[in-house]
Amino acid sequence: MVGVLVIIAMHVIKTILVIRLSSIGDIILTTPLLRRLNAAYPDARIDYCTKPQFASLLYSNLRVSVVYTTEQLPTDAYDLVVDLQNNIRSRTLVRSLHGKRTVYYNKENWKKWLMVQFKLNLSPSPRSVVDRYQDALEPLAVHSDSQGCELYPDSTERAFAAQYFESGQKSLALCFGANHFTKRYPPHHLAALLSILLAEEPLQVILLGGKEESVQASEIMKTLPVAYRSKVLNLAGSCTLMQTAAILERCDAVLCNDTGLMHMASAFGKKLFVLFGSSSSVFGFLPYHTQFELFEVEGLRCRPCSHIGRDRCPKGHFRCMNDLSQTLIARKILDHFKGG
């Protein structure tokens, strides 16, 4: 009887809307669910709604039919609405659609609050947010898989990226930004780290980030010894989201903070060297199904001080980033490039 009900449910779901309004990393982390929904309901049309500035992440996705935005909202009735944002704005949208069935992502904010306020960890084995997204789909016979995130740069974006790469040159992307200060490894530390790398290995280093991060990129370049500046290409603020994705697709490895570009790189299976400051793996935002090495300062009683990051260190010492060893990080990256 249960099998019959599942088959009936699968036949009636012909139109699906997935909602995730922001931000870069969170949206990329929904792409495994798009693949799984497509596998479970191969004849269904899957639409997506997000904010306009992130829509390009979905335009070339093979699973998505129409990308709507908060400036051009969907109006169709859907058989299934999957709200992976689950906030006031997304719920307002859901109510306007009159979908036949809606499922919601459980954000578990109370667990985050307990971890930040009292360092009480109720998730000793952290689950990826992708797996928590997946929980919303459990009643729908949508099965998990072992594949990672997906992004699809088009031919023009790949052609844009190609001009920055020399044949046979090993390349390292540096994604140095983040929305919040306490998630950013300081520019002078990054310059020191690059100096160690470039003194030993003739890498091509590419700085990637948005226009809002161009000041930090300039700080890295100015602090970097003159002898190494010609080996570092600063593209911060010069690329669209999907041009950035195309560049990451070609790079051999990526050094990054806890940022949306970390998840963007993970969609191409890149080896990631990840720097966590105020971030914590407890919150479920580690790279998904790709190789990575995580660098973090263990044992700090003040960490994490927030589940999203802060504009300043509340303690004033910023040890969660300042105590990360540039030498250790550089050595791990060098080992990777030398096949160690």
C-alpha atoms as a PDB file:
ATOM      1  CA  MET A   1       0.000   0.000   0.000  1.00  0.00           C
ATOM      2  CA  VAL A   2       2.837   2.386   0.826  1.00  0.00           C
ATOM      3  CA  GLY A   3       4.452   1.675  -2.552  1.00  0.00           C
ATOM      4  CA  VAL A   4       1.178   2.462  -4.322  1.00  0.00           C
ATOM      5  CA  LEU A   5       0.914   5.820  -2.530  1.00  0.00           C
ATOM      6  CA  VAL A   6       4.463   6.747  -3.515  1.00  0.00           C
ATOM      7  CA  ILE A   7       3.809   5.903  -7.164  1.00  0.00           C
ATOM      8  CA  ILE A   8       0.625   7.979  -7.147  1.00  0.00           C
ATOM      9  CA  ALA A   9       2.480  10.908  -5.560  1.00  0.00           C
ATOM     10  CA  MET A  10       5.207  10.710  -8.168  1.00  0.00           C
ATOM     11  CA  HIS A  11       2.643  10.832 -10.996  1.00  0.00           C
ATOM     12  CA  VAL A  12       0.842  13.920  -9.677  1.00  0.00           C
ATOM     13  CA  ILE A  13       4.004  15.992  -9.176  1.00  0.00           C
ATOM     14  CA  LYS A  14       4.497  17.586 -12.573  1.00  0.00           C
ATOM     15  CA  THR A  15       5.592  21.075 -11.536  1.00  0.00           C
ATOM     16  CA  ILE A  16       8.101  21.928  -8.788  1.00  0.00           C
ATOM     17  CA  LEU A  17       9.321  25.270  -7.492  1.00  0.00           C
ATOM     18  CA  VAL A  18      12.481  25.482  -5.375  1.00  0.00           C
ATOM     19  CA  ILE A  19      12.994  28.670  -3.345  1.00  0.00           C
ATOM     20  CA  ARG A  20      16.348  29.836  -2.025  1.00  0.00           C
ATOM     21  CA  LEU A  21      16.720  33.597  -2.113  1.00  0.00           C
ATOM     22  CA  SER A  22      20.322  33.998  -0.929  1.00  0.00           C
ATOM     23  CA  SER A  23      23.296  33.764  -0.891  1.00  0.00           C
ATOM     24  CA  ILE A  24      25.962  32.385  -3.256  1.00  0.00           C
ATOM     25  CA  GLY A  25      27.069  29.425  -1.166  1.00  0.00           C
ATOM     26  CA  ASP A  26      23.599  28.557   0.100  1.00  0.00           C
ATOM     27  CA  ILE A  27      22.222  28.500  -3.441  1.00  0.00           C
ATOM     28  CA  ILE A  28      25.063  26.338  -4.743  1.00  0.00           C
ATOM     29  CA  LEU A  29      24.409  23.940  -1.872  1.00  0.00           C
ATOM     30  CA  THR A  30      20.853  23.449  -3.171  1.00  0.00           C
ATOM     31  CA  THR A  31      22.075  22.064  -6.498  1.00  0.00           C
ATOM     32  CA  PRO A  32      22.380  18.459  -5.250  1.00  0.00           C
ATOM     33  CA  LEU A  33      18.670  18.625  -4.413  1.00  0.00           C
ATOM     34  CA  LEU A  34      17.839  19.825  -7.921  1.00  0.00           C
ATOM     35  CA  ARG A  35      19.637  16.780  -9.284  1.00  0.00           C
ATOM     36  CA  ARG A  36      17.840  14.460  -6.873  1.00  0.00           C
ATOM     37  CA  LEU A  37      14.427  15.990  -7.593  1.00  0.00           C
ATOM     38  CA  ASN A  38      15.088  15.552 -11.300  1.00  0.00           C
ATOM     39  CA  ALA A  39      16.008  11.902 -10.736  1.00  0.00           C
ATOM     40  CA  ALA A  40      12.879  11.257  -8.657  1.00  0.00           C
ATOM     41  CA  TYR A  41      10.515  13.152 -10.970  1.00  0.00           C
ATOM     42  CA  PRO A  42      12.139  13.043 -14.437  1.00  0.00           C
ATOM     43  CA  ASP A  43       8.990  14.290 -16.192  1.00  0.00           C
ATOM     44  CA  ALA A  44       8.416  17.222 -13.848  1.00  0.00           C
ATOM     45  CA  ARG A  45       9.279  20.839 -14.625  1.00  0.00           C
ATOM     46  CA  ILE A  46      11.572  22.304 -11.977  1.00  0.00           C
ATOM     47  CA  ASP A  47      11.602  26.101 -11.569  1.00  0.00           C
ATOM     48  CA  TYR A  48      13.683  28.141  -9.137  1.00  0.00           C
ATOM     49  CA  CYS A  49      13.204  31.487  -7.375  1.00  0.00           C
ATOM     50  CA  THR A  50      16.076  33.550  -5.975  1.00  0.00           C
ATOM     51  CA  LYS A  51      17.289  37.148  -5.751  1.00  0.00           C
ATOM     52  CA  PRO A  52      18.265  38.794  -9.066  1.00  0.00           C
ATOM     53  CA  GLN A  53      21.982  39.047  -8.255  1.00  0.00           C
ATOM     54  CA  PHE A  54      22.225  35.270  -7.847  1.00  0.00           C
ATOM     55  CA  ALA A  55      20.061  34.135 -10.765  1.00  0.00           C
ATOM     56  CA  SER A  56      23.049  33.557 -13.062  1.00  0.00           C
ATOM     57  CA  LEU A  57      24.087  30.630 -10.851  1.00  0.00           C
ATOM     58  CA  LEU A  58      21.018  28.752 -12.111  1.00  0.00           C
ATOM     59  CA  TYR A  59      20.592  29.884 -15.728  1.00  0.00           C
ATOM     60  CA  SER A  60      22.715  27.094 -17.192  1.00  0.00           C
ATOM     61  CA  ASN A  61      21.656  24.421 -14.710  1.00  0.00           C
ATOM     62  CA  LEU A  62      20.409  21.443 -16.678  1.00  0.00           C
ATOM     63  CA  ARG A  63      17.792  20.616 -14.053  1.00  0.00           C
ATOM     64  CA  VAL A  64      16.066  24.024 -14.024  1.00  0.00           C
ATOM     65  CA  SER A  65      13.469  25.142 -16.564  1.00  0.00           C
ATOM     66  CA  VAL A  66      12.761  28.740 -15.489  1.00  0.00           C
ATOM     67  CA  VAL A  67      14.630  30.969 -13.053  1.00  0.00           C
ATOM     68  CA  TYR A  68      12.384  33.500 -11.335  1.00  0.00           C
ATOM     69  CA  THR A  69      13.538  36.326  -9.094  1.00  0.00           C
ATOM     70  CA  THR A  70      12.079  38.467  -6.349  1.00  0.00           C
ATOM     71  CA  GLU A  71      11.624  41.125  -9.047  1.00  0.00           C
ATOM     72  CA  GLN A  72       9.808  38.725 -11.360  1.00  0.00           C
ATOM     73  CA  LEU A  73       7.953  36.301  -9.125  1.00  0.00           C
ATOM     74  CA  PRO A  74       6.361  33.063 -10.300  1.00  0.00           C
ATOM     75  CA  THR A  75       2.590  33.078 -10.574  1.00  0.00           C
ATOM     76  CA  ASP A  76       1.853  29.476 -11.614  1.00  0.00           C
ATOM     77  CA  ALA A  77       0.290  26.935  -9.305  1.00  0.00           C
ATOM     78  CA  TYR A  78       2.819  24.226  -8.439  1.00  0.00           C
ATOM     79  CA  ASP A  79       2.302  20.636  -7.427  1.00  0.00           C
ATOM     80  CA  LEU A  80       5.261  20.922  -5.075  1.00  0.00           C
ATOM     81  CA  VAL A  81       6.984  23.932  -3.528  1.00  0.00           C
ATOM     82  CA  VAL A  82      10.307  23.360  -1.765  1.00  0.00           C
ATOM     83  CA  ASP A  83      11.135  26.307   0.500  1.00  0.00           C
ATOM     84  CA  LEU A  84      14.820  26.058   1.365  1.00  0.00           C
ATOM     85  CA  GLN A  85      14.948  29.641   2.674  1.00  0.00           C
ATOM     86  CA  ASN A  86      12.162  29.396   5.242  1.00  0.00           C
ATOM     87  CA  ASN A  87      11.955  33.007   6.303  1.00  0.00           C
ATOM     88  CA  ILE A  88       9.202  35.639   6.289  1.00  0.00           C
ATOM     89  CA  ARG A  89       9.795  36.627   2.673  1.00  0.00           C
ATOM     90  CA  SER A  90       9.856  33.085   1.293  1.00  0.00           C
ATOM     91  CA  ARG A  91       6.777  32.076   3.292  1.00  0.00           C
ATOM     92  CA  THR A  92       4.916  35.103   1.946  1.00  0.00           C
ATOM     93  CA  LEU A  93       5.810  33.940  -1.551  1.00  0.00           C
ATOM     94  CA  VAL A  94       4.691  30.400  -0.768  1.00  0.00           C
ATOM     95  CA  ARG A  95       1.291  31.627   0.426  1.00  0.00           C
ATOM     96  CA  SER A  96       0.769  33.552  -2.809  1.00  0.00           C
ATOM     97  CA  LEU A  97       1.341  30.466  -4.964  1.00  0.00           C
ATOM     98  CA  HIS A  98      -1.315  28.156  -3.533  1.00  0.00           C
ATOM     99  CA  GLY A  99       0.884  25.121  -4.151  1.00  0.00           C
ATOM    100  CA  LYS A 100      -0.673  21.698  -3.680  1.00  0.00           C
ATOM    101  CA  ARG A 101       2.097  20.691  -1.315  1.00  0.00           C
ATOM    102  CA  THR A 102       4.912  22.623   0.369  1.00  0.00           C
ATOM    103  CA  VAL A 103       7.913  21.337   2.274  1.00  0.00           C
ATOM    104  CA  TYR A 104      10.259  23.480   4.364  1.00  0.00           C
ATOM    105  CA  TYR A 105      13.903  23.360   5.345  1.00  0.00           C
ATOM    106  CA  ASN A 106      14.310  23.157   9.125  1.00  0.00           C
ATOM    107  CA  LYS A 107      16.934  25.800   9.893  1.00  0.00           C
ATOM    108  CA  GLU A 108      17.484  24.609  13.491  1.00  0.00           C
ATOM    109  CA  ASN A 109      18.339  28.147  14.588  1.00  0.00           C
ATOM    110  CA  TRP A 110      17.900  27.196  18.227  1.00  0.00           C
ATOM    111  CA  LYS A 111      20.856  24.803  17.960  1.00  0.00           C
ATOM    112  CA  LYS A 112      22.989  27.559  16.448  1.00  0.00           C
ATOM    113  CA  TRP A 113      21.959  29.908  19.269  1.00  0.00           C
ATOM    114  CA  LEU A 114      22.952  27.388  21.934  1.00  0.00           C
ATOM    115  CA  MET A 115      26.302  26.829  20.249  1.00  0.00           C
ATOM    116  CA  VAL A 116      27.097  30.538  19.947  1.00  0.00           C
ATOM    117  CA  GLN A 117      25.826  31.598  23.375  1.00  0.00           C
ATOM    118  CA  PHE A 118      26.826  28.626  25.537  1.00  0.00           C
ATOM    119  CA  LYS A 119      29.145  26.556  23.292  1.00  0.00           C
ATOM    120  CA  LEU A 120      26.667  23.724  23.719  1.00  0.00           C
ATOM    121  CA  ASN A 121      27.099  21.446  20.716  1.00  0.00           C
ATOM    122  CA  LEU A 122      24.042  19.286  20.117  1.00  0.00           C
ATOM    123  CA  SER A 123      25.472  17.974  16.833  1.00  0.00           C
ATOM    124  CA  PRO A 124      28.732  16.200  17.751  1.00  0.00           C
ATOM    125  CA  SER A 125      28.799  14.702  14.237  1.00  0.00           C
ATOM    126  CA  PRO A 126      28.105  17.752  12.058  1.00  0.00           C
ATOM    127  CA  ARG A 127      25.730  17.241   9.144  1.00  0.00           C
ATOM    128  CA  SER A 128      26.098  19.207   5.956  1.00  0.00           C
ATOM    129  CA  VAL A 129      23.359  21.716   5.262  1.00  0.00           C
ATOM    130  CA  VAL A 130      22.801  19.726   2.044  1.00  0.00           C
ATOM    131  CA  ASP A 131      21.782  16.732   4.129  1.00  0.00           C
ATOM    132  CA  ARG A 132      19.514  18.957   6.214  1.00  0.00           C
ATOM    133  CA  TYR A 133      17.955  20.271   3.003  1.00  0.00           C
ATOM    134  CA  GLN A 134      17.496  16.634   2.049  1.00  0.00           C
ATOM    135  CA  ASP A 135      15.479  15.994   5.209  1.00  0.00           C
ATOM    136  CA  ALA A 136      12.704  18.176   3.796  1.00  0.00           C
ATOM    137  CA  LEU A 137      12.387  15.814   0.833  1.00  0.00           C
ATOM    138  CA  GLU A 138      12.299  12.550   2.784  1.00  0.00           C
ATOM    139  CA  PRO A 139       8.484  12.210   2.634  1.00  0.00           C
ATOM    140  CA  LEU A 140       8.630  12.525  -1.164  1.00  0.00           C
ATOM    141  CA  ALA A 141      10.700   9.442  -2.039  1.00  0.00           C
ATOM    142  CA  VAL A 142      13.577  11.681  -3.159  1.00  0.00           C
ATOM    143  CA  HIS A 143      16.753   9.780  -2.437  1.00  0.00           C
ATOM    144  CA  SER A 144      20.176  11.088  -1.533  1.00  0.00           C
ATOM    145  CA  ASP A 145      23.272  10.424  -3.634  1.00  0.00           C
ATOM    146  CA  SER A 146      27.021  10.714  -3.172  1.00  0.00           C
ATOM    147  CA  GLN A 147      27.623  13.434  -5.759  1.00  0.00           C
ATOM    148  CA  GLY A 148      28.520  17.044  -5.014  1.00  0.00           C
ATOM    149  CA  CYS A 149      27.318  20.473  -6.086  1.00  0.00           C
ATOM    150  CA  GLU A 150      26.868  21.524  -9.721  1.00  0.00           C
ATOM    151  CA  LEU A 151      27.581  24.658 -11.764  1.00  0.00           C
ATOM    152  CA  TYR A 152      27.630  25.028 -15.536  1.00  0.00           C
ATOM    153  CA  PRO A 153      29.625  27.917 -17.044  1.00  0.00           C
ATOM    154  CA  ASP A 154      28.742  28.470 -20.685  1.00  0.00           C
ATOM    155  CA  SER A 155      31.144  28.644 -23.623  1.00  0.00           C
ATOM    156  CA  THR A 156      31.586  32.425 -23.435  1.00  0.00           C
ATOM    157  CA  GLU A 157      32.395  32.271 -19.731  1.00  0.00           C
ATOM    158  CA  ARG A 158      34.900  29.484 -20.328  1.00  0.00           C
ATOM    159  CA  ALA A 159      36.474  31.480 -23.156  1.00  0.00           C
ATOM    160  CA  PHE A 160      36.794  34.453 -20.792  1.00  0.00           C
ATOM    161  CA  ALA A 161      38.572  32.259 -18.242  1.00  0.00           C
ATOM    162  CA  ALA A 162      40.899  30.643 -20.775  1.00  0.00           C
ATOM    163  CA  GLN A 163      42.773  33.871 -21.517  1.00  0.00           C
ATOM    164  CA  TYR A 164      44.249  33.940 -18.003  1.00  0.00           C
ATOM    165  CA  PHE A 165      45.864  30.506 -18.068  1.00  0.00           C
ATOM    166  CA  GLU A 166      49.175  29.459 -19.549  1.00  0.00           C
ATOM    167  CA  SER A 167      49.678  25.917 -20.755  1.00  0.00           C
ATOM    168  CA  GLY A 168      51.462  23.758 -18.197  1.00  0.00           C
ATOM    169  CA  GLN A 169      51.421  26.417 -15.473  1.00  0.00           C
ATOM    170  CA  LYS A 170      50.171  25.282 -12.076  1.00  0.00           C
ATOM    171  CA  SER A 171      47.487  27.602 -10.740  1.00  0.00           C
ATOM    172  CA  LEU A 172      46.103  28.513  -7.338  1.00  0.00           C
ATOM    173  CA  ALA A 173      42.950  30.574  -6.882  1.00  0.00           C
ATOM    174  CA  LEU A 174      42.814  32.738  -3.769  1.00  0.00           C
ATOM    175  CA  CYS A 175      39.264  33.521  -2.626  1.00  0.00           C
ATOM    176  CA  PHE A 176      40.182  35.953   0.113  1.00  0.00           C
ATOM    177  CA  GLY A 177      36.847  37.613   0.839  1.00  0.00           C
ATOM    178  CA  ALA A 178      33.765  36.926   2.942  1.00  0.00           C
ATOM    179  CA  ASN A 179      30.726  38.970   3.883  1.00  0.00           C
ATOM    180  CA  HIS A 180      31.880  39.394   7.479  1.00  0.00           C
ATOM    181  CA  PHE A 181      35.225  40.493   8.921  1.00  0.00           C
ATOM    182  CA  THR A 182      35.597  37.555  11.313  1.00  0.00           C
ATOM    183  CA  LYS A 183      35.543  35.125   8.369  1.00  0.00           C
ATOM    184  CA  ARG A 184      38.430  36.867   6.537  1.00  0.00           C
ATOM    185  CA  TYR A 185      42.060  35.883   6.912  1.00  0.00           C
ATOM    186  CA  PRO A 186      43.839  39.286   7.152  1.00  0.00           C
ATOM    187  CA  PRO A 187      45.413  40.567   3.900  1.00  0.00           C
ATOM    188  CA  HIS A 188      48.913  40.912   5.409  1.00  0.00           C
ATOM    189  CA  HIS A 189      48.786  37.270   6.516  1.00  0.00           C
ATOM    190  CA  LEU A 190      47.732  36.219   3.021  1.00  0.00           C
ATOM    191  CA  ALA A 191      50.585  38.227   1.505  1.00  0.00           C
ATOM    192  CA  ALA A 192      53.046  36.500   3.833  1.00  0.00           C
ATOM    193  CA  LEU A 193      51.567  33.113   2.944  1.00  0.00           C
ATOM    194  CA  LEU A 194      51.843  33.820  -0.797  1.00  0.00           C
ATOM    195  CA  SER A 195      55.456  34.884  -0.319  1.00  0.00           C
ATOM    196  CA  ILE A 196      56.283  31.491   1.176  1.00  0.00           C
ATOM    197  CA  LEU A 197      54.524  29.698  -1.680  1.00  0.00           C
ATOM    198  CA  LEU A 198      56.010  31.734  -4.506  1.00  0.00           C
ATOM    199  CA  ALA A 199      59.532  31.543  -3.107  1.00  0.00           C
ATOM    200  CA  GLU A 200      59.427  27.780  -3.560  1.00  0.00           C
ATOM    201  CA  GLU A 201      56.946  27.024  -6.352  1.00  0.00           C
ATOM    202  CA  PRO A 202      56.361  28.975  -9.620  1.00  0.00           C
ATOM    203  CA  LEU A 203      52.610  29.108  -9.242  1.00  0.00           C
ATOM    204  CA  GLN A 204      50.140  31.265 -11.071  1.00  0.00           C
ATOM    205  CA  VAL A 205      48.008  32.872  -8.331  1.00  0.00           C
ATOM    206  CA  ILE A 206      44.652  34.445  -9.169  1.00  0.00           C
ATOM    207  CA  LEU A 207      42.805  36.697  -6.702  1.00  0.00           C
ATOM    208  CA  LEU A 208      39.034  36.285  -6.991  1.00  0.00           C
ATOM    209  CA  GLY A 209      36.266  38.269  -5.361  1.00  0.00           C
ATOM    210  CA  GLY A 210      33.554  40.845  -5.928  1.00  0.00           C
ATOM    211  CA  LYS A 211      33.844  44.600  -6.379  1.00  0.00           C
ATOM    212  CA  GLU A 212      33.269  45.067  -2.653  1.00  0.00           C
ATOM    213  CA  GLU A 213      36.449  43.076  -2.014  1.00  0.00           C
ATOM    214  CA  SER A 214      38.740  45.052  -4.337  1.00  0.00           C
ATOM    215  CA  VAL A 215      40.141  47.041  -1.382  1.00  0.00           C
ATOM    216  CA  GLN A 216      41.284  43.841   0.319  1.00  0.00           C
ATOM    217  CA  ALA A 217      42.824  42.658  -2.947  1.00  0.00           C
ATOM    218  CA  SER A 218      44.778  45.908  -3.204  1.00  0.00           C
ATOM    219  CA  GLU A 219      46.027  45.437   0.357  1.00  0.00           C
ATOM    220  CA  ILE A 220      47.302  41.963  -0.503  1.00  0.00           C
ATOM    221  CA  MET A 221      49.084  43.250  -3.591  1.00  0.00           C
ATOM    222  CA  LYS A 222      50.653  46.218  -1.788  1.00  0.00           C
ATOM    223  CA  THR A 223      51.895  44.055   1.089  1.00  0.00           C
ATOM    224  CA  LEU A 224      53.289  41.394  -1.221  1.00  0.00           C
ATOM    225  CA  PRO A 225      57.040  41.778  -1.924  1.00  0.00           C
ATOM    226  CA  VAL A 226      57.651  43.433  -5.284  1.00  0.00           C
ATOM    227  CA  ALA A 227      59.476  40.359  -6.575  1.00  0.00           C
ATOM    228  CA  TYR A 228      56.285  38.284  -6.396  1.00  0.00           C
ATOM    229  CA  ARG A 229      53.667  40.756  -7.629  1.00  0.00           C
ATOM    230  CA  SER A 230      54.040  39.777 -11.280  1.00  0.00           C
ATOM    231  CA  LYS A 231      53.086  36.208 -10.351  1.00  0.00           C
ATOM    232  CA  VAL A 232      49.749  37.274  -8.837  1.00  0.00           C
ATOM    233  CA  LEU A 233      46.826  38.261 -11.054  1.00  0.00           C
ATOM    234  CA  ASN A 234      44.231  40.435  -9.352  1.00  0.00           C
ATOM    235  CA  LEU A 235      40.796  39.825 -10.889  1.00  0.00           C
ATOM    236  CA  ALA A 236      38.762  40.950  -7.885  1.00  0.00           C
ATOM    237  CA  GLY A 237      35.791  42.975  -9.117  1.00  0.00           C
ATOM    238  CA  SER A 238      36.544  42.181 -12.766  1.00  0.00           C
ATOM    239  CA  CYS A 239      34.440  39.042 -13.257  1.00  0.00           C
ATOM    240  CA  THR A 240      30.791  38.092 -13.190  1.00  0.00           C
ATOM    241  CA  LEU A 241      29.742  35.250 -10.900  1.00  0.00           C
ATOM    242  CA  MET A 242      29.862  32.668 -13.654  1.00  0.00           C
ATOM    243  CA  GLN A 243      33.112  34.020 -15.121  1.00  0.00           C
ATOM    244  CA  THR A 244      34.545  33.482 -11.653  1.00  0.00           C
ATOM    245  CA  ALA A 245      33.132  29.958 -11.709  1.00  0.00           C
ATOM    246  CA  ALA A 246      34.812  29.299 -15.062  1.00  0.00           C
ATOM    247  CA  ILE A 247      38.155  30.448 -13.653  1.00  0.00           C
ATOM    248  CA  LEU A 248      37.759  28.200 -10.622  1.00  0.00           C
ATOM    249  CA  GLU A 249      36.918  25.340 -12.954  1.00  0.00           C
ATOM    250  CA  ARG A 250      40.379  25.659 -14.539  1.00  0.00           C
ATOM    251  CA  CYS A 251      42.448  26.205 -11.379  1.00  0.00           C
ATOM    252  CA  ASP A 252      44.410  23.341  -9.869  1.00  0.00           C
ATOM    253  CA  ALA A 253      43.624  24.196  -6.244  1.00  0.00           C
ATOM    254  CA  VAL A 254      41.862  26.877  -4.197  1.00  0.00           C
ATOM    255  CA  LEU A 255      42.789  28.658  -0.981  1.00  0.00           C
ATOM    256  CA  CYS A 256      39.711  30.226   0.550  1.00  0.00           C
ATOM    257  CA  ASN A 257      37.909  31.557   3.567  1.00  0.00           C
ATOM    258  CA  ASP A 258      34.432  30.349   4.530  1.00  0.00           C
ATOM    259  CA  THR A 259      32.782  32.073   1.578  1.00  0.00           C
ATOM    260  CA  GLY A 260      30.413  31.419  -1.297  1.00  0.00           C
ATOM    261  CA  LEU A 261      33.344  30.949  -3.674  1.00  0.00           C
ATOM    262  CA  MET A 262      34.460  28.008  -1.534  1.00  0.00           C
ATOM    263  CA  HIS A 263      31.236  26.219  -2.479  1.00  0.00           C
ATOM    264  CA  MET A 264      31.558  27.436  -6.061  1.00  0.00           C
ATOM    265  CA  ALA A 265      34.976  25.755  -6.310  1.00  0.00           C
ATOM    266  CA  SER A 266      33.612  22.598  -4.710  1.00  0.00           C
ATOM    267  CA  ALA A 267      31.198  22.214  -7.648  1.00  0.00           C
ATOM    268  CA  PHE A 268      34.238  21.430  -9.837  1.00  0.00           C
ATOM    269  CA  GLY A 269      35.823  18.961  -7.415  1.00  0.00           C
ATOM    270  CA  LYS A 270      38.809  21.190  -6.692  1.00  0.00           C
ATOM    271  CA  LYS A 271      41.202  20.538  -3.820  1.00  0.00           C
ATOM    272  CA  LEU A 272      40.322  23.198  -1.258  1.00  0.00           C
ATOM    273  CA  PHE A 273      42.457  24.681   1.505  1.00  0.00           C
ATOM    274  CA  VAL A 274      39.888  26.232   3.821  1.00  0.00           C
ATOM    275  CA  LEU A 275      40.504  28.851   6.526  1.00  0.00           C
ATOM    276  CA  PHE A 276      37.890  29.017   9.284  1.00  0.00           C
ATOM    277  CA  GLY A 277      37.958  31.917  11.755  1.00  0.00           C
ATOM    278  CA  SER A 278      34.721  32.495  13.624  1.00  0.00           C
ATOM    279  CA  SER A 279      33.124  29.765  11.500  1.00  0.00           C
ATOM    280  CA  SER A 280      32.470  26.298  12.860  1.00  0.00           C
ATOM    281  CA  SER A 281      31.915  22.990  11.119  1.00  0.00           C
ATOM    282  CA  VAL A 282      29.023  22.447  13.539  1.00  0.00           C
ATOM    283  CA  PHE A 283      26.877  24.723  11.382  1.00  0.00           C
ATOM    284  CA  GLY A 284      27.170  22.383   8.383  1.00  0.00           C
ATOM    285  CA  PHE A 285      28.834  24.579   5.762  1.00  0.00           C
ATOM    286  CA  LEU A 286      32.005  22.652   5.011  1.00  0.00           C
ATOM    287  CA  PRO A 287      32.695  21.874   1.325  1.00  0.00           C
ATOM    288  CA  TYR A 288      30.341  19.152   0.131  1.00  0.00           C
ATOM    289  CA  HIS A 289      31.673  15.910  -1.366  1.00  0.00           C
ATOM    290  CA  THR A 290      35.052  17.258  -2.435  1.00  0.00           C
ATOM    291  CA  GLN A 291      38.566  17.028  -1.006  1.00  0.00           C
ATOM    292  CA  PHE A 292      39.556  19.756   1.421  1.00  0.00           C
ATOM    293  CA  GLU A 293      41.927  20.553   4.254  1.00  0.00           C
ATOM    294  CA  LEU A 294      40.526  22.661   7.066  1.00  0.00           C
ATOM    295  CA  PHE A 295      42.662  25.074   9.063  1.00  0.00           C
ATOM    296  CA  GLU A 296      41.201  26.388  12.310  1.00  0.00           C
ATOM    297  CA  VAL A 297      42.389  27.358  15.781  1.00  0.00           C
ATOM    298  CA  GLU A 298      41.232  24.656  18.169  1.00  0.00           C
ATOM    299  CA  GLY A 299      40.347  25.278  21.791  1.00  0.00           C
ATOM    300  CA  LEU A 300      39.343  28.956  21.645  1.00  0.00           C
ATOM    301  CA  ARG A 301      36.576  29.422  24.203  1.00  0.00           C
ATOM    302  CA  CYS A 302      35.168  32.392  22.286  1.00  0.00           C
ATOM    303  CA  ARG A 303      34.708  30.450  19.054  1.00  0.00           C
ATOM    304  CA  PRO A 304      32.234  30.475  17.386  1.00  0.00           C
ATOM    305  CA  CYS A 305      31.120  33.991  18.278  1.00  0.00           C
ATOM    306  CA  SER A 306      28.380  33.991  15.624  1.00  0.00           C
ATOM    307  CA  HIS A 307      26.796  31.556  13.195  1.00  0.00           C
ATOM    308  CA  ILE A 308      27.126  33.990  10.271  1.00  0.00           C
ATOM    309  CA  GLY A 309      30.152  36.121  11.223  1.00  0.00           C
ATOM    310  CA  ARG A 310      30.717  39.571  12.735  1.00  0.00           C
ATOM    311  CA  ASP A 311      32.035  42.932  11.567  1.00  0.00           C
ATOM    312  CA  ARG A 312      34.705  42.894  14.287  1.00  0.00           C
ATOM    313  CA  CYS A 313      36.212  40.544  16.830  1.00  0.00           C
ATOM    314  CA  PRO A 314      34.189  40.977  20.050  1.00  0.00           C
ATOM    315  CA  LYS A 315      37.277  40.108  22.122  1.00  0.00           C
ATOM    316  CA  GLY A 316      39.609  42.405  20.180  1.00  0.00           C
ATOM    317  CA  HIS A 317      42.374  39.825  19.654  1.00  0.00           C
ATOM    318  CA  PHE A 318      41.002  38.038  16.553  1.00  0.00           C
ATOM    319  CA  ARG A 319      42.982  34.938  17.498  1.00  0.00           C
ATOM    320  CA  CYS A 320      40.713  32.667  15.467  1.00  0.00           C
ATOM    321  CA  MET A 321      42.408  34.056  12.349  1.00  0.00           C
ATOM    322  CA  ASN A 322      45.618  35.646  13.610  1.00  0.00           C
ATOM    323  CA  ASP A 323      46.802  32.375  15.170  1.00  0.00           C
ATOM    324  CA  LEU A 324      46.504  30.392  11.934  1.00  0.00           C
ATOM    325  CA  SER A 325      50.032  29.520  10.801  1.00  0.00           C
ATOM    326  CA  GLN A 326      50.979  30.847   7.373  1.00  0.00           C
ATOM    327  CA  THR A 327      53.908  28.412   7.278  1.00  0.00           C
ATOM    328  CA  LEU A 328      51.727  25.384   7.991  1.00  0.00           C
ATOM    329  CA  ILE A 329      49.108  26.381   5.420  1.00  0.00           C
ATOM    330  CA  ALA A 330      51.773  27.096   2.795  1.00  0.00           C
ATOM    331  CA  ARG A 331      53.473  23.768   3.464  1.00  0.00           C
ATOM    332  CA  LYS A 332      50.224  21.843   2.939  1.00  0.00           C
ATOM    333  CA  ILE A 333      49.606  23.654  -0.338  1.00  0.00           C
ATOM    334  CA  LEU A 334      53.164  23.032  -1.497  1.00  0.00           C
ATOM    335  CA  ASP A 335      52.833  19.344  -0.623  1.00  0.00           C
ATOM    336  CA  HIS A 336      49.728  19.185  -2.795  1.00  0.00           C
ATOM    337  CA  PHE A 337      51.427  20.773  -5.812  1.00  0.00           C
ATOM    338  CA  LYS A 338      54.490  18.605  -5.399  1.00  0.00           C
ATOM    339  CA  GLY A 339      52.388  15.477  -5.110  1.00  0.00           C
ATOM    340  CA  GLY A 340      53.223  14.901  -1.453  1.00  0.00           C
END
